[in-house]
N, C-alpha and C. Protein backbone atom coordinates (compact mmCIF):
# COMPACT_ATOMS: atom_id res chain seq x y z
N MET A 1 -8.32 41.84 -22.44
CA MET A 1 -9.41 41.54 -23.32
C MET A 1 -9.59 42.63 -24.37
N GLU A 2 -8.96 43.77 -24.17
CA GLU A 2 -9.11 44.82 -25.15
C GLU A 2 -8.40 44.43 -26.43
N GLY A 3 -8.97 44.89 -27.55
CA GLY A 3 -8.39 44.58 -28.83
C GLY A 3 -8.94 43.31 -29.44
N GLN A 4 -9.69 42.54 -28.67
CA GLN A 4 -10.29 41.32 -29.20
C GLN A 4 -11.70 41.63 -29.68
N ASN A 5 -12.15 40.85 -30.65
CA ASN A 5 -13.52 41.00 -31.12
C ASN A 5 -14.46 40.24 -30.19
N HIS A 6 -15.54 40.90 -29.79
CA HIS A 6 -16.53 40.28 -28.92
C HIS A 6 -17.87 40.28 -29.63
N ILE A 7 -18.54 39.17 -29.59
CA ILE A 7 -19.90 39.08 -30.11
C ILE A 7 -20.83 39.23 -28.92
N ALA A 8 -21.74 40.19 -29.01
CA ALA A 8 -22.65 40.44 -27.89
C ALA A 8 -23.57 39.24 -27.67
N VAL A 9 -23.74 38.87 -26.44
CA VAL A 9 -24.61 37.75 -26.09
C VAL A 9 -26.05 38.21 -26.13
N LYS A 10 -26.88 37.48 -26.86
CA LYS A 10 -28.30 37.80 -26.95
C LYS A 10 -29.15 36.88 -26.11
N GLU A 11 -28.59 35.73 -25.74
CA GLU A 11 -29.31 34.80 -24.88
C GLU A 11 -28.33 34.00 -24.04
N PHE A 12 -28.84 33.53 -22.92
CA PHE A 12 -28.05 32.70 -22.03
C PHE A 12 -28.68 31.31 -21.99
N PHE A 13 -27.84 30.29 -21.85
CA PHE A 13 -28.30 28.93 -21.70
C PHE A 13 -28.14 28.52 -20.24
N LEU A 14 -29.25 28.15 -19.62
CA LEU A 14 -29.23 27.78 -18.21
C LEU A 14 -29.00 26.29 -18.08
N ILE A 15 -27.97 25.91 -17.38
CA ILE A 15 -27.67 24.48 -17.21
C ILE A 15 -28.68 23.84 -16.27
N GLY A 16 -29.06 24.54 -15.21
CA GLY A 16 -30.06 24.00 -14.30
C GLY A 16 -29.44 23.20 -13.18
N LEU A 17 -30.28 22.36 -12.59
CA LEU A 17 -29.84 21.57 -11.44
C LEU A 17 -29.14 20.29 -11.85
N ASN A 18 -29.59 19.68 -12.93
CA ASN A 18 -29.06 18.38 -13.31
C ASN A 18 -29.15 18.24 -14.83
N GLU A 19 -28.05 17.83 -15.45
CA GLU A 19 -28.05 17.66 -16.90
C GLU A 19 -28.52 16.28 -17.33
N ASN A 20 -28.67 15.35 -16.40
CA ASN A 20 -29.10 14.00 -16.73
C ASN A 20 -30.60 13.98 -17.00
N PRO A 21 -31.03 13.64 -18.24
CA PRO A 21 -32.45 13.69 -18.59
C PRO A 21 -33.34 12.75 -17.78
N LYS A 22 -32.80 11.68 -17.24
CA LYS A 22 -33.65 10.75 -16.50
C LYS A 22 -34.14 11.34 -15.17
N PHE A 23 -33.49 12.40 -14.70
CA PHE A 23 -33.92 13.06 -13.46
C PHE A 23 -34.87 14.23 -13.70
N HIS A 24 -35.07 14.63 -14.94
CA HIS A 24 -35.86 15.83 -15.22
C HIS A 24 -37.32 15.69 -14.80
N ILE A 25 -37.96 14.59 -15.13
CA ILE A 25 -39.38 14.41 -14.76
C ILE A 25 -39.55 14.31 -13.24
N PRO A 26 -38.76 13.48 -12.54
CA PRO A 26 -38.91 13.47 -11.08
C PRO A 26 -38.63 14.83 -10.43
N LEU A 27 -37.63 15.55 -10.92
CA LEU A 27 -37.35 16.88 -10.38
C LEU A 27 -38.49 17.85 -10.71
N PHE A 28 -39.04 17.74 -11.92
CA PHE A 28 -40.18 18.58 -12.29
C PHE A 28 -41.35 18.34 -11.34
N LEU A 29 -41.67 17.09 -11.08
CA LEU A 29 -42.78 16.76 -10.18
C LEU A 29 -42.50 17.22 -8.75
N LEU A 30 -41.29 17.01 -8.28
CA LEU A 30 -40.93 17.42 -6.92
C LEU A 30 -41.03 18.94 -6.74
N PHE A 31 -40.44 19.69 -7.67
CA PHE A 31 -40.46 21.15 -7.55
C PHE A 31 -41.84 21.74 -7.81
N THR A 32 -42.64 21.08 -8.64
CA THR A 32 -44.02 21.53 -8.84
C THR A 32 -44.80 21.37 -7.54
N LEU A 33 -44.62 20.25 -6.88
CA LEU A 33 -45.30 20.01 -5.61
C LEU A 33 -44.85 21.03 -4.55
N ILE A 34 -43.55 21.26 -4.44
CA ILE A 34 -43.04 22.22 -3.47
C ILE A 34 -43.56 23.62 -3.77
N TYR A 35 -43.58 24.00 -5.05
CA TYR A 35 -44.05 25.33 -5.45
C TYR A 35 -45.54 25.50 -5.13
N LEU A 36 -46.34 24.48 -5.43
CA LEU A 36 -47.77 24.56 -5.13
C LEU A 36 -48.03 24.65 -3.63
N ILE A 37 -47.29 23.90 -2.85
CA ILE A 37 -47.44 23.96 -1.39
C ILE A 37 -47.06 25.35 -0.89
N ALA A 38 -45.97 25.90 -1.41
CA ALA A 38 -45.55 27.25 -1.00
C ALA A 38 -46.59 28.30 -1.38
N LEU A 39 -47.14 28.20 -2.60
CA LEU A 39 -48.17 29.15 -3.02
C LEU A 39 -49.42 29.05 -2.16
N LEU A 40 -49.90 27.82 -1.99
CA LEU A 40 -51.14 27.63 -1.23
C LEU A 40 -50.99 28.04 0.23
N SER A 41 -49.87 27.69 0.83
CA SER A 41 -49.69 28.04 2.25
C SER A 41 -49.53 29.55 2.44
N ASN A 42 -48.79 30.20 1.56
CA ASN A 42 -48.62 31.65 1.69
C ASN A 42 -49.91 32.40 1.40
N TRP A 43 -50.62 32.02 0.33
CA TRP A 43 -51.92 32.67 0.05
C TRP A 43 -52.91 32.39 1.16
N GLY A 44 -52.88 31.17 1.69
CA GLY A 44 -53.77 30.82 2.81
C GLY A 44 -53.49 31.67 4.04
N MET A 45 -52.21 31.90 4.33
CA MET A 45 -51.84 32.73 5.47
C MET A 45 -52.31 34.17 5.25
N ILE A 46 -52.10 34.69 4.06
CA ILE A 46 -52.54 36.06 3.76
C ILE A 46 -54.05 36.18 3.89
N LEU A 47 -54.77 35.22 3.36
CA LEU A 47 -56.24 35.23 3.43
C LEU A 47 -56.72 35.12 4.87
N LEU A 48 -56.11 34.24 5.65
CA LEU A 48 -56.48 34.08 7.05
C LEU A 48 -56.24 35.36 7.85
N ILE A 49 -55.11 36.01 7.62
CA ILE A 49 -54.81 37.26 8.32
C ILE A 49 -55.79 38.35 7.89
N TRP A 50 -56.14 38.38 6.64
CA TRP A 50 -57.05 39.39 6.13
C TRP A 50 -58.47 39.20 6.66
N LEU A 51 -58.91 37.94 6.79
CA LEU A 51 -60.28 37.65 7.22
C LEU A 51 -60.48 37.72 8.73
N ASN A 52 -59.48 37.38 9.51
CA ASN A 52 -59.61 37.33 10.97
C ASN A 52 -59.22 38.68 11.56
N VAL A 53 -60.17 39.38 12.13
CA VAL A 53 -59.94 40.72 12.67
C VAL A 53 -58.96 40.69 13.84
N ARG A 54 -58.94 39.60 14.60
CA ARG A 54 -58.01 39.51 15.73
C ARG A 54 -56.55 39.47 15.28
N LEU A 55 -56.33 39.16 14.01
CA LEU A 55 -54.96 39.10 13.49
C LEU A 55 -54.52 40.40 12.82
N HIS A 56 -55.29 41.44 12.97
CA HIS A 56 -54.92 42.74 12.40
C HIS A 56 -54.02 43.50 13.36
N THR A 57 -52.85 42.92 13.59
CA THR A 57 -51.83 43.52 14.46
C THR A 57 -50.57 43.73 13.63
N PRO A 58 -49.64 44.56 14.12
CA PRO A 58 -48.41 44.80 13.35
C PRO A 58 -47.66 43.51 12.98
N MET A 59 -47.55 42.57 13.92
CA MET A 59 -46.82 41.35 13.64
C MET A 59 -47.41 40.59 12.46
N TYR A 60 -48.72 40.46 12.43
CA TYR A 60 -49.36 39.73 11.34
C TYR A 60 -49.39 40.53 10.05
N PHE A 61 -49.39 41.84 10.16
CA PHE A 61 -49.28 42.68 8.96
C PHE A 61 -47.93 42.45 8.29
N PHE A 62 -46.85 42.44 9.10
CA PHE A 62 -45.52 42.17 8.56
C PHE A 62 -45.45 40.73 8.02
N LEU A 63 -46.06 39.81 8.73
CA LEU A 63 -46.04 38.41 8.31
C LEU A 63 -46.75 38.21 6.98
N SER A 64 -47.86 38.91 6.76
CA SER A 64 -48.57 38.79 5.48
C SER A 64 -47.73 39.39 4.34
N ASN A 65 -47.02 40.46 4.61
CA ASN A 65 -46.14 41.01 3.58
C ASN A 65 -44.95 40.10 3.31
N LEU A 66 -44.47 39.44 4.33
CA LEU A 66 -43.40 38.47 4.17
C LEU A 66 -43.87 37.30 3.30
N ALA A 67 -45.10 36.84 3.53
CA ALA A 67 -45.66 35.76 2.72
C ALA A 67 -45.82 36.20 1.27
N PHE A 68 -46.24 37.45 1.06
CA PHE A 68 -46.38 37.98 -0.30
C PHE A 68 -45.04 38.02 -1.01
N CYS A 69 -43.99 38.47 -0.32
CA CYS A 69 -42.65 38.48 -0.91
C CYS A 69 -42.18 37.07 -1.26
N ASP A 70 -42.50 36.11 -0.42
CA ASP A 70 -42.13 34.72 -0.68
C ASP A 70 -42.81 34.22 -1.94
N ILE A 71 -44.08 34.55 -2.11
CA ILE A 71 -44.80 34.17 -3.33
C ILE A 71 -44.13 34.80 -4.55
N CYS A 72 -43.83 36.08 -4.45
CA CYS A 72 -43.28 36.81 -5.59
C CYS A 72 -41.89 36.31 -5.99
N TYR A 73 -41.00 36.16 -5.03
CA TYR A 73 -39.64 35.79 -5.45
C TYR A 73 -39.56 34.34 -5.90
N SER A 74 -40.39 33.47 -5.37
CA SER A 74 -40.37 32.10 -5.90
C SER A 74 -41.01 32.04 -7.28
N THR A 75 -41.98 32.91 -7.55
CA THR A 75 -42.62 32.94 -8.86
C THR A 75 -41.70 33.55 -9.92
N VAL A 76 -40.70 34.28 -9.50
CA VAL A 76 -39.75 34.87 -10.45
C VAL A 76 -38.96 33.79 -11.17
N PHE A 77 -38.54 32.73 -10.49
CA PHE A 77 -37.67 31.75 -11.15
C PHE A 77 -38.23 30.34 -11.25
N ILE A 78 -39.16 29.93 -10.41
CA ILE A 78 -39.60 28.53 -10.45
C ILE A 78 -40.36 28.17 -11.72
N PRO A 79 -41.30 28.98 -12.23
CA PRO A 79 -41.97 28.58 -13.47
C PRO A 79 -41.00 28.36 -14.64
N LYS A 80 -39.99 29.22 -14.79
CA LYS A 80 -39.00 29.03 -15.85
C LYS A 80 -38.18 27.78 -15.61
N MET A 81 -37.84 27.52 -14.35
CA MET A 81 -37.09 26.31 -14.03
C MET A 81 -37.91 25.06 -14.36
N LEU A 82 -39.21 25.09 -14.08
CA LEU A 82 -40.07 23.94 -14.39
C LEU A 82 -40.17 23.73 -15.90
N VAL A 83 -40.28 24.81 -16.65
CA VAL A 83 -40.33 24.69 -18.12
C VAL A 83 -39.02 24.11 -18.63
N ASP A 84 -37.91 24.53 -18.05
CA ASP A 84 -36.60 24.02 -18.49
C ASP A 84 -36.44 22.53 -18.22
N PHE A 85 -37.08 22.01 -17.19
CA PHE A 85 -37.01 20.57 -16.94
C PHE A 85 -37.64 19.79 -18.09
N LEU A 86 -38.62 20.37 -18.76
CA LEU A 86 -39.36 19.67 -19.81
C LEU A 86 -38.88 20.01 -21.22
N SER A 87 -38.01 20.99 -21.37
CA SER A 87 -37.58 21.39 -22.71
C SER A 87 -36.12 21.04 -22.95
N LYS A 88 -35.80 20.93 -24.22
CA LYS A 88 -34.42 20.65 -24.59
C LYS A 88 -33.62 21.94 -24.72
N HIS A 89 -34.28 23.01 -25.16
CA HIS A 89 -33.63 24.31 -25.37
C HIS A 89 -33.84 25.17 -24.14
N LYS A 90 -32.86 25.21 -23.25
CA LYS A 90 -32.98 25.90 -21.96
C LYS A 90 -32.32 27.26 -22.03
N SER A 91 -32.90 28.13 -22.82
CA SER A 91 -32.29 29.44 -22.97
C SER A 91 -33.21 30.53 -22.45
N MET A 92 -32.61 31.69 -22.23
CA MET A 92 -33.34 32.87 -21.81
C MET A 92 -32.68 34.07 -22.48
N THR A 93 -33.49 34.98 -22.98
CA THR A 93 -32.93 36.16 -23.62
C THR A 93 -32.17 37.00 -22.60
N PHE A 94 -31.31 37.84 -23.11
CA PHE A 94 -30.53 38.71 -22.23
C PHE A 94 -31.46 39.60 -21.40
N SER A 95 -32.47 40.19 -22.04
CA SER A 95 -33.39 41.06 -21.31
C SER A 95 -34.22 40.26 -20.30
N GLY A 96 -34.62 39.05 -20.66
CA GLY A 96 -35.35 38.20 -19.71
C GLY A 96 -34.50 37.84 -18.51
N CYS A 97 -33.23 37.61 -18.76
CA CYS A 97 -32.31 37.26 -17.69
C CYS A 97 -32.11 38.45 -16.74
N VAL A 98 -31.96 39.63 -17.31
CA VAL A 98 -31.79 40.83 -16.49
C VAL A 98 -33.05 41.10 -15.68
N LEU A 99 -34.22 40.96 -16.30
CA LEU A 99 -35.48 41.18 -15.57
C LEU A 99 -35.66 40.15 -14.46
N GLN A 100 -35.34 38.90 -14.73
CA GLN A 100 -35.46 37.87 -13.70
C GLN A 100 -34.55 38.18 -12.53
N SER A 101 -33.34 38.56 -12.81
CA SER A 101 -32.39 38.92 -11.76
C SER A 101 -32.88 40.13 -10.97
N PHE A 102 -33.41 41.14 -11.68
CA PHE A 102 -33.91 42.35 -11.02
C PHE A 102 -35.04 42.03 -10.05
N PHE A 103 -36.07 41.32 -10.52
CA PHE A 103 -37.22 41.05 -9.66
C PHE A 103 -36.87 40.11 -8.51
N PHE A 104 -35.97 39.16 -8.76
CA PHE A 104 -35.52 38.29 -7.67
C PHE A 104 -34.85 39.13 -6.59
N LEU A 105 -33.98 40.05 -6.99
CA LEU A 105 -33.29 40.90 -6.02
C LEU A 105 -34.25 41.81 -5.27
N VAL A 106 -35.26 42.34 -5.97
CA VAL A 106 -36.25 43.20 -5.31
C VAL A 106 -36.90 42.45 -4.16
N TYR A 107 -37.41 41.26 -4.44
CA TYR A 107 -38.19 40.55 -3.42
C TYR A 107 -37.32 39.90 -2.34
N VAL A 108 -36.14 39.44 -2.70
CA VAL A 108 -35.26 38.85 -1.67
C VAL A 108 -34.77 39.93 -0.72
N THR A 109 -34.39 41.09 -1.25
CA THR A 109 -33.93 42.18 -0.40
C THR A 109 -35.07 42.70 0.46
N THR A 110 -36.25 42.85 -0.14
CA THR A 110 -37.42 43.30 0.62
C THR A 110 -37.72 42.34 1.76
N GLU A 111 -37.61 41.05 1.49
CA GLU A 111 -37.87 40.06 2.54
C GLU A 111 -36.87 40.20 3.68
N GLY A 112 -35.62 40.42 3.36
CA GLY A 112 -34.61 40.61 4.41
C GLY A 112 -34.88 41.85 5.25
N ILE A 113 -35.26 42.93 4.59
CA ILE A 113 -35.57 44.16 5.33
C ILE A 113 -36.83 43.99 6.16
N LEU A 114 -37.82 43.28 5.62
CA LEU A 114 -39.04 43.01 6.39
C LEU A 114 -38.73 42.21 7.65
N LEU A 115 -37.83 41.27 7.55
CA LEU A 115 -37.44 40.51 8.74
C LEU A 115 -36.81 41.43 9.78
N SER A 116 -36.05 42.41 9.33
CA SER A 116 -35.48 43.40 10.27
C SER A 116 -36.57 44.24 10.90
N MET A 117 -37.57 44.60 10.11
CA MET A 117 -38.69 45.38 10.63
C MET A 117 -39.48 44.57 11.67
N MET A 118 -39.62 43.28 11.41
CA MET A 118 -40.31 42.41 12.37
C MET A 118 -39.50 42.30 13.67
N ALA A 119 -38.20 42.25 13.54
CA ALA A 119 -37.35 42.21 14.74
C ALA A 119 -37.50 43.49 15.54
N TYR A 120 -37.58 44.62 14.85
CA TYR A 120 -37.78 45.89 15.54
C TYR A 120 -39.14 45.92 16.23
N ASP A 121 -40.17 45.42 15.54
CA ASP A 121 -41.51 45.33 16.13
C ASP A 121 -41.48 44.51 17.42
N HIS A 122 -40.79 43.38 17.39
CA HIS A 122 -40.69 42.54 18.59
C HIS A 122 -39.90 43.24 19.70
N TYR A 123 -38.86 43.95 19.30
CA TYR A 123 -38.06 44.69 20.27
C TYR A 123 -38.93 45.73 20.99
N VAL A 124 -39.72 46.48 20.24
CA VAL A 124 -40.58 47.50 20.84
C VAL A 124 -41.61 46.84 21.76
N ALA A 125 -42.16 45.70 21.32
CA ALA A 125 -43.15 45.01 22.14
C ALA A 125 -42.57 44.52 23.46
N ILE A 126 -41.30 44.13 23.47
CA ILE A 126 -40.67 43.61 24.69
C ILE A 126 -40.09 44.74 25.53
N ALA A 127 -39.40 45.68 24.89
CA ALA A 127 -38.70 46.73 25.63
C ALA A 127 -39.62 47.85 26.11
N LYS A 128 -40.67 48.13 25.36
CA LYS A 128 -41.58 49.24 25.71
C LYS A 128 -43.03 48.78 25.60
N PRO A 129 -43.43 47.83 26.42
CA PRO A 129 -44.79 47.27 26.27
C PRO A 129 -45.91 48.28 26.53
N LEU A 130 -45.69 49.25 27.40
CA LEU A 130 -46.74 50.21 27.71
C LEU A 130 -46.95 51.23 26.59
N SER A 131 -45.91 51.52 25.84
CA SER A 131 -46.05 52.49 24.75
C SER A 131 -46.08 51.82 23.37
N TYR A 132 -46.20 50.50 23.34
CA TYR A 132 -46.18 49.76 22.07
C TYR A 132 -47.27 50.22 21.12
N SER A 133 -48.49 50.34 21.60
CA SER A 133 -49.60 50.72 20.71
C SER A 133 -49.47 52.15 20.20
N VAL A 134 -48.76 52.99 20.93
CA VAL A 134 -48.54 54.37 20.48
C VAL A 134 -47.42 54.42 19.44
N LEU A 135 -46.38 53.59 19.66
CA LEU A 135 -45.23 53.59 18.74
C LEU A 135 -45.50 52.83 17.44
N MET A 136 -46.20 51.72 17.52
CA MET A 136 -46.43 50.86 16.35
C MET A 136 -47.86 51.02 15.84
N THR A 137 -48.17 52.20 15.36
CA THR A 137 -49.51 52.44 14.80
C THR A 137 -49.58 51.85 13.40
N GLN A 138 -50.77 51.82 12.87
CA GLN A 138 -50.97 51.27 11.52
C GLN A 138 -50.19 52.07 10.48
N SER A 139 -50.19 53.38 10.61
CA SER A 139 -49.46 54.20 9.63
C SER A 139 -47.95 53.97 9.72
N VAL A 140 -47.43 53.76 10.92
CA VAL A 140 -46.00 53.47 11.08
C VAL A 140 -45.67 52.13 10.44
N CYS A 141 -46.53 51.14 10.63
CA CYS A 141 -46.30 49.82 10.03
C CYS A 141 -46.34 49.90 8.51
N VAL A 142 -47.28 50.65 7.96
CA VAL A 142 -47.36 50.80 6.51
C VAL A 142 -46.10 51.49 5.98
N GLN A 143 -45.64 52.52 6.69
CA GLN A 143 -44.42 53.21 6.29
C GLN A 143 -43.20 52.28 6.34
N MET A 144 -43.15 51.42 7.35
CA MET A 144 -42.04 50.48 7.46
C MET A 144 -42.06 49.48 6.31
N VAL A 145 -43.25 49.01 5.94
CA VAL A 145 -43.35 48.06 4.83
C VAL A 145 -42.99 48.75 3.51
N LEU A 146 -43.48 49.97 3.32
CA LEU A 146 -43.13 50.71 2.10
C LEU A 146 -41.63 50.98 2.03
N ALA A 147 -41.02 51.27 3.17
CA ALA A 147 -39.57 51.47 3.21
C ALA A 147 -38.84 50.17 2.85
N SER A 148 -39.39 49.03 3.25
CA SER A 148 -38.79 47.74 2.89
C SER A 148 -38.81 47.52 1.39
N TYR A 149 -39.96 47.79 0.77
CA TYR A 149 -40.06 47.64 -0.68
C TYR A 149 -39.18 48.65 -1.40
N LEU A 150 -39.09 49.86 -0.90
CA LEU A 150 -38.23 50.87 -1.50
C LEU A 150 -36.77 50.47 -1.39
N GLY A 151 -36.38 49.94 -0.24
CA GLY A 151 -35.01 49.45 -0.08
C GLY A 151 -34.70 48.31 -1.03
N GLY A 152 -35.65 47.39 -1.21
CA GLY A 152 -35.46 46.30 -2.16
C GLY A 152 -35.33 46.80 -3.58
N LEU A 153 -36.14 47.79 -3.92
CA LEU A 153 -36.09 48.37 -5.27
C LEU A 153 -34.77 49.08 -5.53
N ILE A 154 -34.31 49.86 -4.56
CA ILE A 154 -33.04 50.58 -4.72
C ILE A 154 -31.88 49.60 -4.85
N ASN A 155 -31.86 48.57 -4.02
CA ASN A 155 -30.79 47.57 -4.09
C ASN A 155 -30.80 46.86 -5.44
N ALA A 156 -31.98 46.46 -5.90
CA ALA A 156 -32.07 45.75 -7.17
C ALA A 156 -31.68 46.65 -8.34
N LEU A 157 -32.09 47.92 -8.30
CA LEU A 157 -31.71 48.86 -9.36
C LEU A 157 -30.20 49.04 -9.42
N THR A 158 -29.58 49.14 -8.26
CA THR A 158 -28.13 49.31 -8.20
C THR A 158 -27.41 48.13 -8.84
N HIS A 159 -27.80 46.93 -8.46
CA HIS A 159 -27.16 45.73 -9.02
C HIS A 159 -27.47 45.57 -10.51
N THR A 160 -28.70 45.84 -10.89
CA THR A 160 -29.10 45.64 -12.29
C THR A 160 -28.42 46.66 -13.20
N LEU A 161 -28.33 47.90 -12.77
CA LEU A 161 -27.65 48.90 -13.59
C LEU A 161 -26.16 48.56 -13.73
N GLY A 162 -25.57 48.06 -12.67
CA GLY A 162 -24.18 47.60 -12.76
C GLY A 162 -24.03 46.43 -13.72
N LEU A 163 -25.01 45.53 -13.72
CA LEU A 163 -24.99 44.38 -14.61
C LEU A 163 -25.15 44.81 -16.07
N LEU A 164 -25.98 45.81 -16.31
CA LEU A 164 -26.20 46.28 -17.68
C LEU A 164 -24.99 46.98 -18.28
N LYS A 165 -24.08 47.46 -17.43
CA LYS A 165 -22.88 48.12 -17.92
C LYS A 165 -21.81 47.14 -18.37
N LEU A 166 -22.00 45.86 -18.04
CA LEU A 166 -21.00 44.85 -18.40
C LEU A 166 -21.21 44.34 -19.82
N ASP A 167 -20.12 43.90 -20.44
CA ASP A 167 -20.18 43.23 -21.73
C ASP A 167 -20.13 41.73 -21.49
N PHE A 168 -20.98 41.01 -22.20
CA PHE A 168 -21.00 39.56 -22.10
C PHE A 168 -20.62 38.98 -23.45
N CYS A 169 -19.75 38.00 -23.44
CA CYS A 169 -19.35 37.33 -24.66
C CYS A 169 -19.33 35.84 -24.38
N SER A 170 -19.01 35.07 -25.37
CA SER A 170 -19.02 33.62 -25.21
C SER A 170 -18.07 33.21 -24.12
N PRO A 171 -18.31 32.18 -23.40
CA PRO A 171 -19.47 31.30 -23.44
C PRO A 171 -20.66 31.94 -22.73
N ASN A 172 -21.82 31.62 -23.19
CA ASN A 172 -23.05 32.19 -22.61
C ASN A 172 -23.84 31.13 -21.85
N ILE A 173 -23.12 30.25 -21.20
CA ILE A 173 -23.74 29.16 -20.44
C ILE A 173 -23.71 29.52 -18.96
N VAL A 174 -24.91 29.67 -18.37
CA VAL A 174 -25.04 30.02 -16.96
C VAL A 174 -25.11 28.72 -16.16
N ASN A 175 -24.17 28.52 -15.28
CA ASN A 175 -24.13 27.30 -14.48
C ASN A 175 -25.03 27.48 -13.25
N HIS A 176 -26.33 27.65 -13.51
CA HIS A 176 -27.31 27.88 -12.46
C HIS A 176 -28.69 27.60 -13.04
N PHE A 177 -29.70 27.55 -12.17
CA PHE A 177 -31.05 27.29 -12.66
C PHE A 177 -31.86 28.55 -12.89
N PHE A 178 -31.30 29.71 -12.55
CA PHE A 178 -31.91 30.99 -12.90
C PHE A 178 -30.80 32.03 -13.03
N CYS A 179 -31.15 33.20 -13.53
CA CYS A 179 -30.16 34.25 -13.77
C CYS A 179 -29.88 35.01 -12.48
N ASP A 180 -28.91 34.55 -11.76
CA ASP A 180 -28.49 35.20 -10.52
C ASP A 180 -27.24 36.02 -10.81
N ILE A 181 -26.98 37.01 -10.00
CA ILE A 181 -25.87 37.93 -10.24
C ILE A 181 -24.49 37.23 -10.26
N PRO A 182 -24.12 36.43 -9.24
CA PRO A 182 -22.77 35.83 -9.26
C PRO A 182 -22.48 34.97 -10.50
N PRO A 183 -23.39 34.08 -10.95
CA PRO A 183 -23.07 33.33 -12.17
C PRO A 183 -22.96 34.23 -13.42
N LEU A 184 -23.75 35.31 -13.45
CA LEU A 184 -23.66 36.22 -14.59
C LEU A 184 -22.35 37.01 -14.58
N LEU A 185 -21.89 37.38 -13.39
CA LEU A 185 -20.63 38.11 -13.30
C LEU A 185 -19.45 37.27 -13.79
N ARG A 186 -19.52 35.95 -13.59
CA ARG A 186 -18.45 35.08 -14.07
C ARG A 186 -18.39 35.04 -15.60
N LEU A 187 -19.52 35.36 -16.26
CA LEU A 187 -19.57 35.32 -17.72
C LEU A 187 -19.20 36.66 -18.36
N ALA A 188 -19.05 37.69 -17.57
CA ALA A 188 -18.76 39.01 -18.13
C ALA A 188 -17.34 39.03 -18.68
N CYS A 189 -17.18 39.64 -19.85
CA CYS A 189 -15.85 39.76 -20.42
C CYS A 189 -15.31 41.17 -20.26
N SER A 190 -16.04 42.01 -19.56
CA SER A 190 -15.53 43.35 -19.22
C SER A 190 -15.33 43.42 -17.72
N ASP A 191 -14.56 44.40 -17.30
CA ASP A 191 -14.22 44.51 -15.90
C ASP A 191 -15.36 45.19 -15.15
């Protein structure tokens, strides 16, 4: 590829789930319904855990953070996907694409680490039931959750900085409904 002229890509065109226009409105309605159910159920769970004092345990603390991550990572790409169902011009700027990819990676990675933390919490509860309350204090749980978010941030920064070092040239058509790393890597014209 060296020696060729490359025009820097300023925007990406997202193909989405389906190119057939007759499916756009039904898909828009379906995904809007799913998104609203996900938002309401996750916010409801967080509110219920926050209001009920009996649920102020490590397991429910991790579960409320898991629900928050679910809200965040679905909000990263679903609103843009819904707008694309209704518009003819399905593009996203390069910086918007990088930001969407970054925040998606932050919350997806954080969710995976939180699931590991929940598994550890369950392990301690089963393997050391007598010392569980001493080992899993509120400050330990907060530190574990902060470590999860920090791990998600470090992972996302690593991938995003690697993505920013790449050159993108035509074609700038992303065969996906949001800016995910693998479809973007296929469009890179640098190694």
